[in-house]
Amino acid sequence: MQPELTPSADGESAECVHPPLLVLFNQVELSNEEQEILSQVLQRALAALELEILHTDHAEFRGLLKHRRDVLRQLSTRLPQLESAA
């Protein structure tokens, strides 16, 4: 299912509206290795978003990037914390 573009209030730009997810996941079981890799991917994506936010002049696009950053931050906090193998 493709996201739809809907006109914004100013009538000149469009915003992307994602359809609601049809499948909800109650639990995803990940191995320690999978958790570590997913955590690394999220951290790299967050770092890339931070740089993109700093270098973006267009306010509307910066707002979209900040929203994505916030969603990824929330997702990363919901991942189980790996026990350190000290």
C-alpha atoms as a PDB file:
ATOM      1  CA  MET A   1       0.000   0.000   0.000  1.00  0.00           C
ATOM      2  CA  GLN A   2       1.466   3.348  -1.055  1.00  0.00           C
ATOM      3  CA  PRO A   3       1.338   6.495   1.082  1.00  0.00           C
ATOM      4  CA  GLU A   4      -0.964   9.205  -0.231  1.00  0.00           C
ATOM      5  CA  LEU A   5      -0.098  12.851  -0.783  1.00  0.00           C
ATOM      6  CA  THR A   6      -2.655  15.262   0.602  1.00  0.00           C
ATOM      7  CA  PRO A   7      -2.622  19.026   0.107  1.00  0.00           C
ATOM      8  CA  SER A   8      -1.484  21.032   3.101  1.00  0.00           C
ATOM      9  CA  ALA A   9      -3.374  23.999   4.525  1.00  0.00           C
ATOM     10  CA  ASP A  10      -1.486  26.474   2.320  1.00  0.00           C
ATOM     11  CA  GLY A  11      -2.622  24.620  -0.808  1.00  0.00           C
ATOM     12  CA  GLU A  12       0.853  24.757  -2.321  1.00  0.00           C
ATOM     13  CA  SER A  13       2.660  21.854  -0.713  1.00  0.00           C
ATOM     14  CA  ALA A  14       1.647  18.299  -0.010  1.00  0.00           C
ATOM     15  CA  GLU A  15       2.244  16.062   2.955  1.00  0.00           C
ATOM     16  CA  CYS A  16       2.708  12.322   2.942  1.00  0.00           C
ATOM     17  CA  VAL A  17       0.017  10.416   4.795  1.00  0.00           C
ATOM     18  CA  HIS A  18       0.736   6.781   5.529  1.00  0.00           C
ATOM     19  CA  PRO A  19      -2.211   4.404   5.681  1.00  0.00           C
ATOM     20  CA  PRO A  20      -2.761   2.712   9.046  1.00  0.00           C
ATOM     21  CA  LEU A  21      -0.905  -0.530   9.600  1.00  0.00           C
ATOM     22  CA  LEU A  22      -3.123  -3.553   9.161  1.00  0.00           C
ATOM     23  CA  VAL A  23      -0.918  -5.860  11.197  1.00  0.00           C
ATOM     24  CA  LEU A  24       0.143  -5.050  14.732  1.00  0.00           C
ATOM     25  CA  PHE A  25       3.055  -6.817  16.338  1.00  0.00           C
ATOM     26  CA  ASN A  26       2.680  -7.615  20.002  1.00  0.00           C
ATOM     27  CA  GLN A  27       6.154  -9.012  20.359  1.00  0.00           C
ATOM     28  CA  VAL A  28       9.169  -9.621  18.181  1.00  0.00           C
ATOM     29  CA  GLU A  29      11.757 -11.960  19.573  1.00  0.00           C
ATOM     30  CA  LEU A  30      15.326 -11.057  18.684  1.00  0.00           C
ATOM     31  CA  SER A  31      18.567 -12.777  19.484  1.00  0.00           C
ATOM     32  CA  ASN A  32      21.286 -10.765  21.244  1.00  0.00           C
ATOM     33  CA  GLU A  33      23.099 -10.413  17.932  1.00  0.00           C
ATOM     34  CA  GLU A  34      19.947  -9.180  16.173  1.00  0.00           C
ATOM     35  CA  GLN A  35      19.287  -6.701  18.986  1.00  0.00           C
ATOM     36  CA  GLU A  36      22.834  -5.390  18.767  1.00  0.00           C
ATOM     37  CA  ILE A  37      22.661  -4.978  14.982  1.00  0.00           C
ATOM     38  CA  LEU A  38      19.269  -3.278  15.150  1.00  0.00           C
ATOM     39  CA  SER A  39      20.544  -0.943  17.853  1.00  0.00           C
ATOM     40  CA  GLN A  40      23.586  -0.040  15.734  1.00  0.00           C
ATOM     41  CA  VAL A  41      21.415   0.589  12.673  1.00  0.00           C
ATOM     42  CA  LEU A  42      19.111   2.850  14.689  1.00  0.00           C
ATOM     43  CA  GLN A  43      22.039   4.775  16.186  1.00  0.00           C
ATOM     44  CA  ARG A  44      23.559   5.340  12.734  1.00  0.00           C
ATOM     45  CA  ALA A  45      20.210   6.453  11.342  1.00  0.00           C
ATOM     46  CA  LEU A  46      19.789   8.867  14.253  1.00  0.00           C
ATOM     47  CA  ALA A  47      23.259  10.305  13.699  1.00  0.00           C
ATOM     48  CA  ALA A  48      22.564  10.749   9.980  1.00  0.00           C
ATOM     49  CA  LEU A  49      19.245  12.454  10.743  1.00  0.00           C
ATOM     50  CA  GLU A  50      20.924  14.854  13.175  1.00  0.00           C
ATOM     51  CA  LEU A  51      23.366  15.934  10.460  1.00  0.00           C
ATOM     52  CA  GLU A  52      20.594  16.242   7.891  1.00  0.00           C
ATOM     53  CA  ILE A  53      18.541  18.375  10.296  1.00  0.00           C
ATOM     54  CA  LEU A  54      21.515  20.696  10.844  1.00  0.00           C
ATOM     55  CA  HIS A  55      22.103  21.101   7.110  1.00  0.00           C
ATOM     56  CA  THR A  56      18.478  21.512   6.008  1.00  0.00           C
ATOM     57  CA  ASP A  57      17.284  25.022   5.250  1.00  0.00           C
ATOM     58  CA  HIS A  58      13.686  24.164   4.371  1.00  0.00           C
ATOM     59  CA  ALA A  59      11.605  24.390   7.565  1.00  0.00           C
ATOM     60  CA  GLU A  60       8.902  21.941   6.481  1.00  0.00           C
ATOM     61  CA  PHE A  61      11.457  19.268   5.536  1.00  0.00           C
ATOM     62  CA  ARG A  62      13.374  19.909   8.784  1.00  0.00           C
ATOM     63  CA  GLY A  63      10.133  19.289  10.681  1.00  0.00           C
ATOM     64  CA  LEU A  64       9.673  15.971   8.884  1.00  0.00           C
ATOM     65  CA  LEU A  65      13.241  14.956   9.729  1.00  0.00           C
ATOM     66  CA  LYS A  66      12.763  15.899  13.381  1.00  0.00           C
ATOM     67  CA  HIS A  67       9.603  13.813  13.518  1.00  0.00           C
ATOM     68  CA  ARG A  68      11.474  10.815  12.073  1.00  0.00           C
ATOM     69  CA  ARG A  69      14.255  11.352  14.594  1.00  0.00           C
ATOM     70  CA  ASP A  70      11.743  11.384  17.437  1.00  0.00           C
ATOM     71  CA  VAL A  71      10.079   8.187  16.189  1.00  0.00           C
ATOM     72  CA  LEU A  72      13.458   6.429  15.938  1.00  0.00           C
ATOM     73  CA  ARG A  73      14.405   7.626  19.429  1.00  0.00           C
ATOM     74  CA  GLN A  74      11.168   6.221  20.838  1.00  0.00           C
ATOM     75  CA  LEU A  75      11.721   2.962  19.006  1.00  0.00           C
ATOM     76  CA  SER A  76      15.270   2.640  20.295  1.00  0.00           C
ATOM     77  CA  THR A  77      14.098   3.137  23.892  1.00  0.00           C
ATOM     78  CA  ARG A  78      11.602   0.307  23.471  1.00  0.00           C
ATOM     79  CA  LEU A  79      14.273  -2.205  22.496  1.00  0.00           C
ATOM     80  CA  PRO A  80      15.349  -4.520  25.290  1.00  0.00           C
ATOM     81  CA  GLN A  81      18.614  -3.415  26.784  1.00  0.00           C
ATOM     82  CA  LEU A  82      21.385  -5.922  26.232  1.00  0.00           C
ATOM     83  CA  GLU A  83      23.110  -7.165  29.321  1.00  0.00           C
ATOM     84  CA  SER A  84      26.758  -6.266  29.259  1.00  0.00           C
ATOM     85  CA  ALA A  85      29.070  -9.231  29.016  1.00  0.00           C
ATOM     86  CA  ALA A  86      31.548  -7.799  31.512  1.00  0.00           C
END
